[in-house]
């Protein structure tokens, strides 16, 4: 490992216990910074309500740390919006945000649009499929941003159990993202969960970053932030254990293809010769091919969007 990364690990890797709630709250009151928590959600009625409830109880009612909780529904066909609203979140539908630009499917699309409907100086993203959720996920990743002005982006790190086995989750991380980062962006080799969906950043950074519309958003954001603000402005915090719904192997293959495409674009600023992935499923007559498009679109930095600039002036 690079000496620079070893130094970074000792200076920019913490545990949630390193910043107790009273210290984080004091830093918020001293600096006057506001915090938005965003949950991108698609058919998450089983989990989104519990997550919102925990955040509201622990970080709004018990200690006034979080200023708004926003669930951005990207087209759910279940009761996600109803459950989230009942739990106390403000629910916004993806297609209602920036309607002049037609929305496309993808997590990155939702995160990008959320900047237009939130107001926090610090924006904290939390996946909506987490189970046994702890508010430490939010407390841990906003803490360094409130207490250290030199930190601009903080990723959560955690154990990811799979089928009862510790550390076996995060298969796309281990098979795709980690090798890519180690080979091409070795400064980022110290991140334990580079693809994790729980991270917080200053709005002033997020509005300058392009957003891949799909699963490549986490890797793209990390690489672009490295180039924009440097390694020392990035950090990670251990928040314990992350439990969530695991996807099947074919879904992970599509995710890996999107992540590879995101990396390839940043390496060459070129384009894929064939922006598609063919997988195989057994049918009545043997294995049948299924071809899926790989995300090939990115949204520009939000600072370049006229509606966002007008909102900031207003």
Protein backbone atom coordinates (compact mmCIF):
# COMPACT_ATOMS: atom_id res chain seq x y z
CA UNK A 1 0.00 0.00 0.00
CA UNK A 2 1.19 3.51 -0.78
CA UNK A 3 2.75 5.38 2.13
CA UNK A 4 0.30 8.20 1.39
CA UNK A 5 -2.62 5.81 1.88
CA UNK A 6 -1.17 4.45 5.12
CA UNK A 7 -0.88 8.00 6.45
CA UNK A 8 -4.43 8.71 5.28
CA UNK A 9 -5.74 5.64 7.08
CA UNK A 10 -4.24 6.84 10.34
CA UNK A 11 -5.55 10.40 9.91
CA UNK A 12 -8.88 10.00 8.14
CA UNK A 13 -10.35 6.70 9.36
CA UNK A 14 -12.42 6.85 12.52
CA UNK A 15 -15.06 5.04 14.53
CA UNK A 16 -18.48 6.50 15.28
CA UNK A 17 -17.47 6.36 18.96
CA UNK A 18 -14.72 8.92 18.33
CA UNK A 19 -17.32 11.69 18.11
CA UNK A 20 -20.09 11.27 20.68
CA UNK A 21 -23.47 12.89 19.96
CA UNK A 22 -22.98 15.85 22.29
CA UNK A 23 -19.74 16.79 20.54
CA UNK A 24 -21.29 16.54 17.09
CA UNK A 25 -24.30 18.60 18.15
CA UNK A 26 -22.06 21.25 19.72
CA UNK A 27 -20.14 21.52 16.44
CA UNK A 28 -23.39 21.94 14.50
CA UNK A 29 -24.58 24.69 16.84
CA UNK A 30 -21.20 26.41 16.72
CA UNK A 31 -20.89 26.36 12.92
CA UNK A 32 -24.57 26.82 12.05
CA UNK A 33 -24.43 24.16 9.35
CA UNK A 34 -27.65 22.41 8.33
CA UNK A 35 -28.04 18.72 7.50
CA UNK A 36 -30.29 17.01 4.96
CA UNK A 37 -30.73 13.23 4.97
CA UNK A 38 -31.77 11.76 1.60
CA UNK A 39 -33.12 8.25 1.08
CA UNK A 40 -33.40 7.16 -2.57
CA UNK A 41 -36.21 4.62 -2.64
CA UNK A 42 -37.75 2.18 -5.09
CA UNK A 43 -40.24 -0.33 -3.66
CA UNK A 44 -38.86 -0.26 -0.14
CA UNK A 45 -42.08 -0.26 1.90
CA UNK A 46 -40.71 -2.96 4.22
CA UNK A 47 -37.73 -0.94 5.44
CA UNK A 48 -37.99 2.77 4.61
CA UNK A 49 -40.43 3.56 7.43
CA UNK A 50 -38.21 2.06 10.14
CA UNK A 51 -35.19 3.99 8.87
CA UNK A 52 -37.05 7.30 8.86
CA UNK A 53 -38.51 6.58 12.31
CA UNK A 54 -35.09 5.90 13.84
CA UNK A 55 -33.54 9.03 12.33
CA UNK A 56 -36.44 11.21 13.48
CA UNK A 57 -36.42 9.82 17.01
CA UNK A 58 -32.66 9.85 17.58
CA UNK A 59 -31.44 12.79 15.51
CA UNK A 60 -34.42 15.15 15.32
CA UNK A 61 -36.37 14.65 18.55
CA UNK A 62 -33.70 13.45 20.98
CA UNK A 63 -30.92 15.68 19.67
CA UNK A 64 -31.65 18.33 17.01
CA UNK A 65 -28.97 17.29 14.54
CA UNK A 66 -30.84 16.56 11.30
CA UNK A 67 -32.82 19.41 9.74
CA UNK A 68 -34.74 17.48 7.09
CA UNK A 69 -35.37 13.90 6.01
CA UNK A 70 -36.28 13.56 2.34
CA UNK A 71 -37.30 10.34 0.62
CA UNK A 72 -37.03 10.56 -3.16
CA UNK A 73 -39.32 7.94 -4.67
CA UNK A 74 -38.10 6.83 -8.08
CA UNK A 75 -41.32 5.19 -9.25
CA UNK A 76 -42.37 2.72 -6.57
CA UNK A 77 -45.37 0.53 -7.23
CA UNK A 78 -45.81 -0.39 -3.57
CA UNK A 79 -46.58 1.76 -0.49
CA UNK A 80 -43.07 3.24 -0.17
CA UNK A 81 -44.25 6.86 -0.37
CA UNK A 82 -47.13 6.34 2.05
CA UNK A 83 -44.99 4.52 4.61
CA UNK A 84 -42.19 7.09 4.41
CA UNK A 85 -44.56 10.04 4.81
CA UNK A 86 -46.33 8.43 7.76
CA UNK A 87 -42.95 7.93 9.46
CA UNK A 88 -42.23 11.64 9.14
CA UNK A 89 -40.21 12.10 5.95
CA UNK A 90 -40.93 14.61 3.24
CA UNK A 91 -41.57 12.54 0.14
CA UNK A 92 -40.73 13.87 -3.30
CA UNK A 93 -41.25 11.94 -6.51
CA UNK A 94 -38.29 11.83 -8.86
CA UNK A 95 -40.25 12.89 -11.94
CA UNK A 96 -41.48 16.05 -10.22
CA UNK A 97 -37.92 17.34 -9.82
CA UNK A 98 -36.50 19.28 -12.77
CA UNK A 99 -39.27 18.10 -15.14
CA UNK A 100 -37.74 19.76 -18.22
CA UNK A 101 -35.10 17.00 -18.19
CA UNK A 102 -36.83 13.62 -18.57
CA UNK A 103 -35.77 11.27 -15.80
CA UNK A 104 -34.02 8.00 -16.52
CA UNK A 105 -33.93 4.93 -14.26
CA UNK A 106 -31.05 4.72 -11.84
CA UNK A 107 -29.89 5.50 -8.35
CA UNK A 108 -27.46 8.21 -9.43
CA UNK A 109 -30.29 10.03 -11.20
CA UNK A 110 -32.24 10.20 -7.94
CA UNK A 111 -29.26 11.40 -5.89
CA UNK A 112 -28.48 14.11 -8.45
CA UNK A 113 -32.05 15.42 -8.49
CA UNK A 114 -32.21 15.39 -4.69
CA UNK A 115 -29.84 18.36 -4.59
CA UNK A 116 -32.65 20.49 -6.03
CA UNK A 117 -35.16 19.61 -3.31
CA UNK A 118 -32.92 19.74 -0.24
CA UNK A 119 -31.36 22.69 1.49
CA UNK A 120 -28.74 21.33 3.85
CA UNK A 121 -25.14 22.51 3.82
CA UNK A 122 -24.31 18.85 4.38
CA UNK A 123 -26.19 16.16 2.43
CA UNK A 124 -26.24 12.64 3.86
CA UNK A 125 -27.30 9.74 1.61
CA UNK A 126 -28.72 6.55 3.16
CA UNK A 127 -29.97 3.52 1.21
CA UNK A 128 -33.62 2.71 1.92
CA UNK A 129 -33.26 -1.10 2.10
CA UNK A 130 -31.28 -1.30 5.36
CA UNK A 131 -32.53 -3.57 8.13
CA UNK A 132 -31.92 -3.20 11.88
CA UNK A 133 -30.94 0.39 11.10
CA UNK A 134 -28.96 2.45 13.60
CA UNK A 135 -28.77 6.24 13.64
CA UNK A 136 -25.00 5.77 14.06
CA UNK A 137 -24.91 5.51 10.27
CA UNK A 138 -25.90 9.18 10.05
CA UNK A 139 -24.16 10.41 13.19
CA UNK A 140 -20.91 8.76 12.16
CA UNK A 141 -20.63 10.20 8.68
CA UNK A 142 -21.79 13.76 9.42
CA UNK A 143 -19.57 14.06 12.50
CA UNK A 144 -16.25 14.72 10.70
CA UNK A 145 -17.90 17.25 8.37
CA UNK A 146 -19.16 19.25 11.35
CA UNK A 147 -15.98 19.04 13.41
CA UNK A 148 -13.26 19.27 10.74
CA UNK A 149 -13.52 21.99 8.05
CA UNK A 150 -10.86 20.25 5.96
CA UNK A 151 -13.07 17.19 5.34
CA UNK A 152 -15.47 17.34 2.39
CA UNK A 153 -16.79 13.77 1.96
CA UNK A 154 -17.18 10.90 4.41
CA UNK A 155 -18.02 7.28 3.56
CA UNK A 156 -19.42 4.79 6.06
CA UNK A 157 -17.52 1.54 6.52
CA UNK A 158 -18.98 -1.57 8.08
CA UNK A 159 -19.16 -5.36 8.08
CA UNK A 160 -21.48 -6.80 5.41
CA UNK A 161 -22.63 -10.29 6.38
CA UNK A 162 -24.04 -12.61 3.73
CA UNK A 163 -26.10 -15.69 4.63
CA UNK A 164 -24.84 -15.52 8.19
CA UNK A 165 -21.17 -15.27 7.24
CA UNK A 166 -19.32 -12.13 8.28
CA UNK A 167 -17.53 -10.13 5.64
CA UNK A 168 -18.96 -11.99 2.65
CA UNK A 169 -21.23 -9.19 1.41
CA UNK A 170 -20.07 -6.55 -1.03
CA UNK A 171 -19.32 -8.97 -3.83
CA UNK A 172 -19.20 -6.30 -6.55
CA UNK A 173 -16.84 -4.29 -4.36
CA UNK A 174 -14.39 -7.16 -4.04
CA UNK A 175 -14.62 -8.47 -7.60
CA UNK A 176 -14.86 -5.19 -9.53
CA UNK A 177 -14.49 -1.92 -7.65
CA UNK A 178 -11.57 -2.73 -5.37
CA UNK A 179 -9.34 -4.11 -8.16
CA UNK A 180 -10.18 -1.10 -10.35
CA UNK A 181 -9.35 1.38 -7.61
CA UNK A 182 -6.15 -0.36 -6.57
CA UNK A 183 -4.88 -0.52 -10.14
CA UNK A 184 -5.97 2.87 -11.46
CA UNK A 185 -6.57 5.10 -8.42
CA UNK A 186 -4.33 3.60 -5.73
CA UNK A 187 -4.83 6.65 -3.52
CA UNK A 188 -8.36 5.34 -2.92
CA UNK A 189 -7.21 1.83 -1.94
CA UNK A 190 -7.80 2.59 1.75
CA UNK A 191 -11.58 2.84 1.45
CA UNK A 192 -13.17 -0.21 3.06
CA UNK A 193 -16.57 0.27 1.39
CA UNK A 194 -16.03 2.38 -1.74
CA UNK A 195 -19.45 1.41 -3.17
CA UNK A 196 -21.36 1.80 0.08
CA UNK A 197 -24.57 3.80 -0.21
CA UNK A 198 -24.15 5.64 3.09
CA UNK A 199 -22.02 8.75 2.80
CA UNK A 200 -22.21 12.46 3.49
CA UNK A 201 -20.64 15.42 1.75
CA UNK A 202 -20.68 19.17 1.70
CA UNK A 203 -23.15 20.59 -0.78
CA UNK A 204 -20.36 22.81 -2.08
CA UNK A 205 -18.60 19.65 -3.28
CA UNK A 206 -21.64 17.71 -4.52
CA UNK A 207 -22.83 20.54 -6.72
CA UNK A 208 -19.51 20.48 -8.60
CA UNK A 209 -19.56 16.74 -9.37
CA UNK A 210 -21.07 14.94 -12.36
CA UNK A 211 -23.42 12.11 -11.36
CA UNK A 212 -23.47 8.81 -13.27
CA UNK A 213 -27.18 8.02 -13.47
CA UNK A 214 -26.93 4.39 -12.36
CA UNK A 215 -24.93 2.10 -10.10
CA UNK A 216 -21.64 3.75 -11.02
CA UNK A 217 -22.49 6.84 -8.99
CA UNK A 218 -20.54 5.86 -5.87
CA UNK A 219 -17.32 4.99 -7.67
CA UNK A 220 -17.61 7.98 -9.98
CA UNK A 221 -18.19 10.35 -7.09
CA UNK A 222 -15.21 9.01 -5.15
CA UNK A 223 -12.83 9.28 -8.11
CA UNK A 224 -14.06 12.74 -9.10
CA UNK A 225 -13.88 14.01 -5.52
CA UNK A 226 -10.29 12.77 -5.28
CA UNK A 227 -9.33 14.83 -8.32
CA UNK A 228 -11.31 17.87 -7.20
CA UNK A 229 -10.42 18.19 -3.51
CA UNK A 230 -7.64 15.66 -2.88
CA UNK A 231 -7.31 12.58 -0.70
CA UNK A 232 -6.99 14.43 2.59
CA UNK A 233 -10.48 15.92 2.14
CA UNK A 234 -11.96 12.39 2.06
CA UNK A 235 -12.59 10.20 5.10
CA UNK A 236 -14.36 7.10 6.38
CA UNK A 237 -16.06 6.13 9.63
CA UNK A 238 -16.74 2.66 11.06
CA UNK A 239 -20.44 2.44 11.94
CA UNK A 240 -20.69 -1.28 12.71
CA UNK A 241 -22.72 -3.74 10.65
CA UNK A 242 -24.84 -3.15 7.55
CA UNK A 243 -27.73 -5.53 6.87
CA UNK A 244 -29.78 -5.19 3.72
CA UNK A 245 -31.44 -7.09 0.91
CA UNK A 246 -28.86 -8.88 -1.25
CA UNK A 247 -29.31 -9.06 -5.01
CA UNK A 248 -28.88 -12.12 -7.16
CA UNK A 249 -25.80 -12.83 -9.25
CA UNK A 250 -27.20 -11.50 -12.52
CA UNK A 251 -28.23 -8.21 -10.95
CA UNK A 252 -24.71 -7.94 -9.53
CA UNK A 253 -23.33 -8.57 -13.01
CA UNK A 254 -25.28 -5.61 -14.36
CA UNK A 255 -24.08 -3.50 -11.46
CA UNK A 256 -20.48 -4.49 -12.14
CA UNK A 257 -20.82 -3.60 -15.82
CA UNK A 258 -22.10 -0.13 -14.94
CA UNK A 259 -19.25 0.39 -12.49
CA UNK A 260 -16.68 -0.73 -15.05
CA UNK A 261 -18.18 1.66 -17.57
CA UNK A 262 -17.94 4.52 -15.07
CA UNK A 263 -14.30 3.73 -14.42
CA UNK A 264 -13.52 3.37 -18.12
CA UNK A 265 -15.06 6.74 -18.86
CA UNK A 266 -12.88 8.37 -16.23
CA UNK A 267 -9.78 6.64 -17.49
CA UNK A 268 -10.19 7.61 -21.11
CA UNK A 269 -13.17 9.96 -21.29
CA UNK A 270 -14.08 7.76 -24.20
CA UNK A 271 -17.04 5.51 -24.81
CA UNK A 272 -17.84 1.84 -24.69
CA UNK A 273 -17.68 0.04 -28.02
CA UNK A 274 -20.76 -1.91 -26.97
CA UNK A 275 -22.67 -0.36 -24.05
CA UNK A 276 -24.56 -3.57 -23.30
CA UNK A 277 -24.22 -6.72 -21.24
CA UNK A 278 -25.55 -10.13 -22.31
CA UNK A 279 -26.35 -12.67 -19.58
CA UNK A 280 -27.88 -16.11 -19.77
CA UNK A 281 -30.89 -17.70 -18.08
CA UNK A 282 -32.04 -21.28 -18.46
CA UNK A 283 -35.33 -21.57 -20.32
CA UNK A 284 -37.41 -24.37 -21.77
CA UNK A 285 -35.03 -24.79 -24.69
CA UNK A 286 -31.76 -24.36 -22.81
CA UNK A 287 -29.86 -21.22 -21.98
CA UNK A 288 -31.45 -18.08 -23.35
CA UNK A 289 -29.61 -14.77 -23.75
CA UNK A 290 -30.85 -11.62 -22.07
CA UNK A 291 -29.19 -8.36 -23.06
CA UNK A 292 -29.28 -5.28 -20.88
CA UNK A 293 -28.17 -1.75 -21.62
CA UNK A 294 -25.26 -0.45 -19.55
CA UNK A 295 -25.73 3.05 -18.15
CA UNK A 296 -24.05 5.43 -20.60
CA UNK A 297 -25.38 8.72 -19.33
CA UNK A 298 -24.15 11.13 -16.69
CA UNK A 299 -25.73 14.25 -15.29
CA UNK A 300 -23.67 17.45 -15.27
CA UNK A 301 -22.55 19.13 -12.06
CA UNK A 302 -25.65 20.62 -10.44
CA UNK A 303 -23.94 24.01 -10.31
CA UNK A 304 -24.31 24.13 -14.11
CA UNK A 305 -28.09 23.63 -14.03
CA UNK A 306 -30.02 26.89 -14.46
CA UNK A 307 -32.83 25.97 -12.05
CA UNK A 308 -30.32 25.21 -9.31
CA UNK A 309 -28.51 28.50 -9.82
CA UNK A 310 -31.82 30.37 -9.72
CA UNK A 311 -32.77 28.64 -6.48
CA UNK A 312 -29.49 29.61 -4.86
CA UNK A 313 -29.98 33.26 -5.85
CA UNK A 314 -33.53 33.23 -4.52
